[in-house]
Amino acid sequence: MKRNIVIAAVTAAALIGGGTATALATTGDDEGSARQAATTQLSSNDDTHDDRDDRDDDAARAASADVTASEAIASALKHTSGTVVSAELDDEDDSDKVVWNVDVLSGDNTWHSVSVDPSSGKVLGSQTDDEDDTAQVRAALKGSSVTAEEAAKAAAGKGVVTSVGLDEDGKNKSWEAETRTSGGAEQDWKIDLKSGKVTADRADAQDDDADDQDDQD
C-alpha cells in the first residue's frame, strides 16, 4: 500500500514538474520574442537617429561655408587649369575640418583633387588622382555648354549647394547638384548640360521614398 502511494506521489510530482517546465519554456519564448522585437525597434530608432545626425552635420557644414560651390570651383581653376568635373563640401581626410574638394581634369587627362578653404576660398593644396573614366567624362561633356561652375550657380537658386558633379551614366547625361535649405532639408537636382535648366531629381526622390518605406517595414 505504502509503495503504491509513493509511486503515485512521484508520478504526480513528475507531471506537475513537467507542466511547470513547459510553462516556463513557453514564457521564455514569449520573452525572447519580445526582446527581439524591442532590439529591432531600437536598431531602427538608432538608424533614424544616425540619419538625422547626418542631416544635421550636412546642414551645419553648409551653414558654415562662406564660399559657395561656384566660388570654390573658380578658385580651384585659378590654381589648376582644366575642366571641373565635381565639387563637394566634405570633411577633410583624417580631420574634422570641412573643405571644398574640387576634381579637375586637365588638358593632358591628369586628374587633380584641389582642396579649397570654405571660409576664405584659398587653395589649401592639391594632389593628382588616378581615375579610369576619363574617356567617359570627355564623351559626356562633348557638345555641352554649361560648366560645373554655371551648374552650381543655377542650383543655388534652390538652396545652399553642397555638391555638384557630372552624371555621365545613362542616356540623359547632366550635372547633378545637392542643396540644403536653412531648415536642413536635402534636395537633389539635375542641370541640363546644354540649357542649364534645373529640374528636381525624381529618381532620387523615389529612391528616398523607397528607403523610408523599408525603414518603416
Protein backbone atom coordinates (compact mmCIF):
# COMPACT_ATOMS: atom_id res chain seq x y z
CA MET A 1 0.00 0.00 0.00
CA LYS A 2 2.71 2.44 1.01
CA ARG A 3 4.66 1.54 -2.14
CA ASN A 4 1.67 2.42 -4.35
CA ILE A 5 1.23 5.75 -2.54
CA VAL A 6 4.88 6.62 -3.07
CA ILE A 7 4.71 5.78 -6.81
CA ALA A 8 1.55 7.86 -7.21
CA ALA A 9 3.21 10.80 -5.46
CA VAL A 10 6.32 10.59 -7.63
CA THR A 11 4.20 10.41 -10.81
CA ALA A 12 2.17 13.41 -9.75
CA ALA A 13 5.33 15.35 -8.99
CA ALA A 14 6.75 14.48 -12.40
CA LEU A 15 3.57 15.60 -14.12
CA ILE A 16 3.47 18.82 -12.14
CA GLY A 17 7.17 19.42 -12.77
CA GLY A 18 6.81 18.76 -16.49
CA GLY A 19 3.86 21.10 -16.73
CA THR A 20 5.79 23.78 -14.91
CA ALA A 21 8.83 23.34 -17.19
CA THR A 22 6.60 23.61 -20.23
CA ALA A 23 5.03 26.77 -18.90
CA LEU A 24 8.43 28.26 -18.18
CA ALA A 25 9.68 27.32 -21.66
CA THR A 26 6.66 28.96 -23.28
CA THR A 27 7.09 32.06 -21.18
CA GLY A 28 10.77 32.15 -22.11
CA ASP A 29 9.91 32.01 -25.82
CA ASP A 30 7.47 34.89 -25.43
CA GLU A 31 10.03 36.95 -23.56
CA GLY A 32 12.64 36.14 -26.21
CA SER A 33 10.32 37.32 -28.97
CA ALA A 34 9.58 40.49 -27.06
CA ARG A 35 13.27 41.13 -26.53
CA GLN A 36 13.94 40.52 -30.25
CA ALA A 37 11.18 42.94 -31.24
CA ALA A 38 12.50 45.54 -28.82
CA THR A 39 16.02 45.12 -30.17
CA THR A 40 14.78 45.51 -33.75
CA GLN A 41 12.88 48.67 -32.79
CA LEU A 42 15.92 50.10 -31.02
CA SER A 43 18.06 49.34 -34.07
CA SER A 44 15.54 51.11 -36.29
CA ASN A 45 15.49 54.07 -33.92
CA ASP A 46 19.29 54.16 -33.97
CA ASP A 47 19.31 54.19 -37.78
CA THR A 48 16.78 57.03 -37.82
CA HIS A 49 18.83 58.89 -35.24
CA ASP A 50 22.01 58.36 -37.29
CA ASP A 51 20.28 59.64 -40.44
CA ARG A 52 19.11 62.69 -38.51
CA ASP A 53 22.62 63.29 -37.22
CA ASP A 54 23.99 63.03 -40.78
CA ARG A 55 21.45 65.56 -41.99
CA ASP A 56 22.29 67.89 -39.11
CA ASP A 57 26.01 67.56 -39.87
CA ASP A 58 25.45 68.31 -43.55
CA ALA A 59 23.28 71.30 -42.69
CA ALA A 60 25.94 72.59 -40.29
CA ARG A 61 28.63 72.21 -42.96
CA ALA A 62 26.53 74.12 -45.46
CA ALA A 63 25.78 76.90 -42.98
CA SER A 64 29.45 77.26 -42.01
CA ALA A 65 30.67 77.75 -45.60
CA ASP A 66 31.16 81.37 -46.62
CA VAL A 67 32.50 80.31 -50.02
CA THR A 68 29.87 78.97 -52.41
CA ALA A 69 30.31 75.98 -54.69
CA SER A 70 30.75 78.18 -57.76
CA GLU A 71 33.33 80.34 -55.95
CA ALA A 72 35.24 77.25 -54.83
CA ILE A 73 35.29 75.99 -58.42
CA ALA A 74 36.56 79.34 -59.70
CA SER A 75 39.31 79.33 -57.08
CA ALA A 76 40.34 75.78 -57.97
CA LEU A 77 40.55 76.66 -61.67
CA LYS A 78 42.83 79.62 -60.94
CA HIS A 79 45.16 77.16 -59.27
CA THR A 80 44.78 74.26 -61.73
CA SER A 81 43.53 74.82 -65.26
CA GLY A 82 41.24 72.28 -66.82
CA THR A 83 37.64 71.12 -66.59
CA VAL A 84 35.92 70.80 -63.24
CA VAL A 85 34.01 67.54 -63.03
CA SER A 86 32.80 67.76 -59.43
CA ALA A 87 32.92 69.84 -56.26
CA GLU A 88 31.82 68.70 -52.82
CA LEU A 89 31.78 70.25 -49.37
CA ASP A 90 33.04 67.49 -47.11
CA ASP A 91 35.25 66.57 -44.17
CA GLU A 92 38.92 66.51 -44.94
CA ASP A 93 40.65 63.12 -44.71
CA ASP A 94 41.71 62.25 -41.14
CA SER A 95 40.33 65.56 -39.90
CA ASP A 96 37.10 67.18 -38.76
CA LYS A 97 37.92 70.23 -40.86
CA VAL A 98 35.48 70.94 -43.67
CA VAL A 99 36.83 71.79 -47.14
CA TRP A 100 35.66 72.02 -50.70
CA ASN A 101 37.05 69.10 -52.71
CA VAL A 102 37.16 70.05 -56.38
CA ASP A 103 38.05 67.47 -59.06
CA VAL A 104 39.72 68.98 -62.10
CA LEU A 105 40.50 67.11 -65.32
CA SER A 106 43.43 68.85 -67.02
CA GLY A 107 44.14 69.03 -70.74
CA ASP A 108 46.62 66.16 -70.57
CA ASN A 109 43.95 63.95 -68.95
CA THR A 110 45.51 64.19 -65.50
CA TRP A 111 43.05 64.28 -62.61
CA HIS A 112 43.65 66.79 -59.82
CA SER A 113 41.90 66.96 -56.47
CA VAL A 114 42.05 70.55 -55.24
CA SER A 115 41.17 71.48 -51.65
CA VAL A 116 39.62 74.90 -51.13
CA ASP A 117 39.06 76.64 -47.80
CA PRO A 118 35.28 77.21 -47.39
CA SER A 119 35.89 80.34 -45.33
CA SER A 120 38.45 82.21 -47.44
CA GLY A 121 38.39 80.49 -50.84
CA LYS A 122 42.12 79.92 -50.59
CA VAL A 123 43.52 76.77 -52.17
CA LEU A 124 44.89 74.60 -49.39
CA GLY A 125 46.60 72.07 -51.63
CA SER A 126 46.13 69.65 -54.48
CA GLN A 127 47.09 66.15 -55.50
CA THR A 128 46.84 64.03 -58.59
CA ASP A 129 44.38 61.15 -58.68
CA ASP A 130 44.02 58.04 -60.79
CA GLU A 131 40.62 57.75 -62.48
CA ASP A 132 39.51 55.21 -65.06
CA ASP A 133 36.53 57.06 -66.54
CA THR A 134 38.37 59.88 -68.34
CA ALA A 135 37.10 58.87 -71.80
CA GLN A 136 33.54 58.55 -70.47
CA VAL A 137 33.70 62.00 -68.90
CA ARG A 138 35.11 63.57 -72.06
CA ALA A 139 32.35 61.95 -74.13
CA ALA A 140 29.64 63.16 -71.76
CA LEU A 141 30.91 66.74 -71.83
CA LYS A 142 31.33 66.84 -75.61
CA GLY A 143 28.96 69.43 -77.02
CA SER A 144 27.93 70.70 -73.58
CA SER A 145 27.73 74.45 -72.98
CA VAL A 146 27.13 74.52 -69.22
CA THR A 147 30.14 74.21 -66.92
CA ALA A 148 30.17 72.89 -63.37
CA GLU A 149 30.51 76.46 -62.12
CA GLU A 150 27.45 77.56 -64.08
CA ALA A 151 25.52 74.49 -62.91
CA ALA A 152 26.35 75.34 -59.29
CA LYS A 153 25.13 78.91 -59.81
CA ALA A 154 21.90 77.65 -61.35
CA ALA A 155 21.24 75.22 -58.50
CA ALA A 156 22.00 77.92 -55.91
CA GLY A 157 18.53 79.30 -56.59
CA LYS A 158 17.14 76.17 -54.89
CA GLY A 159 19.23 76.32 -51.71
CA VAL A 160 22.81 76.15 -50.49
CA VAL A 161 24.74 73.91 -52.88
CA THR A 162 26.82 71.32 -51.03
CA SER A 163 27.90 69.33 -54.07
CA VAL A 164 27.80 69.39 -57.84
CA GLY A 165 29.07 66.73 -60.21
CA LEU A 166 28.75 65.22 -63.63
CA ASP A 167 26.37 62.32 -64.11
CA GLU A 168 27.88 60.59 -67.12
CA ASP A 169 25.89 57.36 -66.72
CA GLY A 170 22.73 56.50 -68.56
CA LYS A 171 21.06 58.11 -71.55
CA ASN A 172 20.28 61.55 -70.13
CA LYS A 173 23.63 62.92 -69.02
CA SER A 174 23.55 66.02 -66.83
CA TRP A 175 25.05 67.87 -63.92
CA GLU A 176 23.76 66.76 -60.53
CA ALA A 177 23.64 69.09 -57.53
CA GLU A 178 22.65 68.66 -53.91
CA THR A 179 21.22 71.57 -51.96
CA ARG A 180 20.33 72.25 -48.34
CA THR A 181 17.70 74.65 -47.09
CA SER A 182 18.05 76.73 -43.93
CA GLY A 183 15.98 74.08 -42.16
CA GLY A 184 18.37 71.30 -43.22
CA ALA A 185 16.13 69.73 -45.86
CA GLU A 186 18.06 67.99 -48.63
CA GLN A 187 17.13 68.01 -52.31
CA ASP A 188 18.87 66.69 -55.41
CA TRP A 189 18.66 68.44 -58.76
CA LYS A 190 19.61 67.82 -62.38
CA ILE A 191 21.02 70.63 -64.51
CA ASP A 192 20.85 70.24 -68.28
CA LEU A 193 24.29 70.24 -69.91
CA LYS A 194 23.15 72.49 -72.77
CA SER A 195 20.32 74.67 -71.49
CA GLY A 196 21.22 74.92 -67.80
CA LYS A 197 17.62 74.14 -66.87
CA VAL A 198 17.23 72.92 -63.29
CA THR A 199 14.79 70.12 -62.52
CA ALA A 200 14.18 68.00 -59.44
CA ASP A 201 15.84 64.60 -59.48
CA ARG A 202 12.70 62.44 -59.50
CA ALA A 203 14.61 59.16 -59.50
CA ASP A 204 16.45 60.16 -56.33
CA ALA A 205 13.19 61.21 -54.67
CA GLN A 206 11.66 57.83 -55.49
CA ASP A 207 14.70 56.07 -54.02
CA ASP A 208 14.34 58.11 -50.82
CA ASP A 209 10.64 57.18 -50.59
CA ALA A 210 11.51 53.52 -51.05
CA ASP A 211 14.19 53.73 -48.34
CA ASP A 212 11.73 55.40 -45.96
CA GLN A 213 9.18 52.63 -46.65
CA ASP A 214 11.82 49.96 -45.98
CA ASP A 215 12.73 51.64 -42.67
CA GLN A 216 9.07 51.60 -41.64
CA ASP A 217 8.71 47.92 -42.58
